[in-house]
C-alpha atoms as a PDB file:
ATOM      1  CA  MET A   1      -3.916  -5.141 -17.522  1.00  0.00           C
ATOM      2  CA  ILE A   2      -5.328  -8.682 -17.658  1.00  0.00           C
ATOM      3  CA  PRO A   3      -1.916 -10.320 -18.322  1.00  0.00           C
ATOM      4  CA  TRP A   4      -0.425  -8.291 -15.464  1.00  0.00           C
ATOM      5  CA  LEU A   5      -3.153  -9.445 -13.061  1.00  0.00           C
ATOM      6  CA  ALA A   6      -2.755 -13.054 -14.161  1.00  0.00           C
ATOM      7  CA  GLY A   7       0.990 -12.775 -13.582  1.00  0.00           C
ATOM      8  CA  LEU A   8       0.442 -11.404 -10.094  1.00  0.00           C
ATOM      9  CA  VAL A   9      -1.895 -14.259  -9.210  1.00  0.00           C
ATOM     10  CA  VAL A  10       0.676 -16.811 -10.343  1.00  0.00           C
ATOM     11  CA  LEU A  11       3.909 -15.179  -9.177  1.00  0.00           C
ATOM     12  CA  LEU A  12       3.162 -13.468  -5.854  1.00  0.00           C
ATOM     13  CA  PRO A  13       3.778 -15.508  -2.687  1.00  0.00           C
ATOM     14  CA  GLY A  14       0.861 -16.459  -0.460  1.00  0.00           C
ATOM     15  CA  ARG A  15       2.583 -14.911   2.554  1.00  0.00           C
ATOM     16  CA  THR A  16       5.081 -12.129   3.021  1.00  0.00           C
ATOM     17  CA  GLU A  17       6.517  -9.869   5.700  1.00  0.00           C
ATOM     18  CA  ALA A  18       5.638  -6.181   5.595  1.00  0.00           C
ATOM     19  CA  PHE A  19       8.438  -3.983   6.899  1.00  0.00           C
ATOM     20  CA  HIS A  20       6.393  -0.819   7.446  1.00  0.00           C
ATOM     21  CA  TRP A  21       3.139  -2.431   8.562  1.00  0.00           C
ATOM     22  CA  ALA A  22       2.348   0.054  11.341  1.00  0.00           C
ATOM     23  CA  ALA A  23       3.107   3.062   9.130  1.00  0.00           C
ATOM     24  CA  ALA A  24       0.927   1.692   6.335  1.00  0.00           C
ATOM     25  CA  TRP A  25      -2.099   1.143   8.568  1.00  0.00           C
ATOM     26  CA  THR A  26      -1.595   4.389  10.470  1.00  0.00           C
ATOM     27  CA  GLY A  27      -1.340   6.298   7.196  1.00  0.00           C
ATOM     28  CA  LEU A  28      -4.480   4.666   5.840  1.00  0.00           C
ATOM     29  CA  ASP A  29      -6.432   5.416   9.013  1.00  0.00           C
ATOM     30  CA  GLY A  30      -5.143   8.998   8.971  1.00  0.00           C
ATOM     31  CA  LEU A  31      -6.324   9.372   5.379  1.00  0.00           C
ATOM     32  CA  GLU A  32      -9.731   8.065   6.441  1.00  0.00           C
ATOM     33  CA  ALA A  33      -9.935  10.628   9.228  1.00  0.00           C
ATOM     34  CA  VAL A  34      -8.897  13.521   6.978  1.00  0.00           C
ATOM     35  CA  SER A  35     -11.301  12.546   4.209  1.00  0.00           C
ATOM     36  CA  LEU A  36     -14.220  12.139   6.631  1.00  0.00           C
ATOM     37  CA  LEU A  37     -13.406  15.448   8.320  1.00  0.00           C
ATOM     38  CA  ALA A  38     -13.179  17.214   4.944  1.00  0.00           C
ATOM     39  CA  THR A  39     -16.514  15.717   3.914  1.00  0.00           C
ATOM     40  CA  GLY A  40     -18.151  16.872   7.135  1.00  0.00           C
ATOM     41  CA  VAL A  41     -16.789  20.392   6.848  1.00  0.00           C
ATOM     42  CA  LEU A  42     -17.875  20.679   3.218  1.00  0.00           C
ATOM     43  CA  VAL A  43     -21.348  19.350   4.035  1.00  0.00           C
ATOM     44  CA  LEU A  44     -21.735  21.917   6.830  1.00  0.00           C
ATOM     45  CA  ARG A  45     -20.655  24.688   4.436  1.00  0.00           C
ATOM     46  CA  ARG A  46     -23.028  23.365   1.745  1.00  0.00           C
ATOM     47  CA  ASP A  47     -20.047  23.309  -0.587  1.00  0.00           C
ATOM     48  CA  ALA A  48     -20.621  21.626  -3.954  1.00  0.00           C
ATOM     49  CA  ARG A  49     -17.308  19.775  -3.581  1.00  0.00           C
ATOM     50  CA  ARG A  50     -18.723  17.668  -0.752  1.00  0.00           C
ATOM     51  CA  GLY A  51     -19.473  14.914  -3.272  1.00  0.00           C
ATOM     52  CA  LEU A  52     -15.820  14.669  -4.251  1.00  0.00           C
ATOM     53  CA  ALA A  53     -14.721  14.475  -0.633  1.00  0.00           C
ATOM     54  CA  ALA A  54     -17.387  11.850   0.065  1.00  0.00           C
ATOM     55  CA  ALA A  55     -16.204   9.804  -2.932  1.00  0.00           C
ATOM     56  CA  VAL A  56     -12.617   9.915  -1.629  1.00  0.00           C
ATOM     57  CA  ALA A  57     -13.787   8.903   1.856  1.00  0.00           C
ATOM     58  CA  ALA A  58     -15.867   6.019   0.475  1.00  0.00           C
ATOM     59  CA  THR A  59     -12.954   4.799  -1.637  1.00  0.00           C
ATOM     60  CA  VAL A  60     -10.498   4.878   1.259  1.00  0.00           C
ATOM     61  CA  LEU A  61     -12.985   3.099   3.534  1.00  0.00           C
ATOM     62  CA  ALA A  62     -13.557   0.410   0.884  1.00  0.00           C
ATOM     63  CA  ILE A  63      -9.794  -0.110   0.552  1.00  0.00           C
ATOM     64  CA  ASP A  64      -9.517  -0.418   4.337  1.00  0.00           C
ATOM     65  CA  ALA A  65     -12.322  -2.999   4.424  1.00  0.00           C
ATOM     66  CA  TRP A  66     -10.699  -4.944   1.567  1.00  0.00           C
ATOM     67  CA  PHE A  67      -7.362  -5.191   3.365  1.00  0.00           C
ATOM     68  CA  ASP A  68      -8.998  -5.892   6.740  1.00  0.00           C
ATOM     69  CA  VAL A  69     -10.771  -8.930   5.298  1.00  0.00           C
ATOM     70  CA  LEU A  70      -7.825 -10.180   3.239  1.00  0.00           C
ATOM     71  CA  THR A  71      -5.294  -9.892   6.072  1.00  0.00           C
ATOM     72  CA  ALA A  72      -7.538 -11.346   8.789  1.00  0.00           C
ATOM     73  CA  PRO A  73      -6.654 -14.745  10.253  1.00  0.00           C
ATOM     74  CA  PRO A  74      -9.079 -17.604   9.579  1.00  0.00           C
ATOM     75  CA  GLY A  75     -11.918 -18.187  12.018  1.00  0.00           C
ATOM     76  CA  GLY A  76     -13.003 -15.505  14.457  1.00  0.00           C
ATOM     77  CA  GLY A  77     -10.683 -12.836  13.088  1.00  0.00           C
ATOM     78  CA  LEU A  78     -12.076 -13.225   9.590  1.00  0.00           C
ATOM     79  CA  ALA A  79     -15.659 -13.284  10.865  1.00  0.00           C
ATOM     80  CA  THR A  80     -15.041 -10.050  12.767  1.00  0.00           C
ATOM     81  CA  ALA A  81     -13.454  -8.370   9.744  1.00  0.00           C
ATOM     82  CA  VAL A  82     -16.360  -9.351   7.499  1.00  0.00           C
ATOM     83  CA  ALA A  83     -18.933  -8.227  10.067  1.00  0.00           C
ATOM     84  CA  MET A  84     -17.275  -4.868  10.519  1.00  0.00           C
END
């Protein structure tokens, strides 16, 4: 895995165009909503699987935060992404 990561750092361009940008972000936000809803429902039912749903929700939210910060423009946009 380490050689692969090193290769990505060296070979990937600093900028690129994403062809399905809106679909990617909409899908990610939809996954957030579903995972948070599932967590809430399982918590209300006192279902033991609520921890799994919460772990999925936390992971998806962390991925969203990661991409928000890394795709933010310098200056105010980046400050807003980090603050949120």
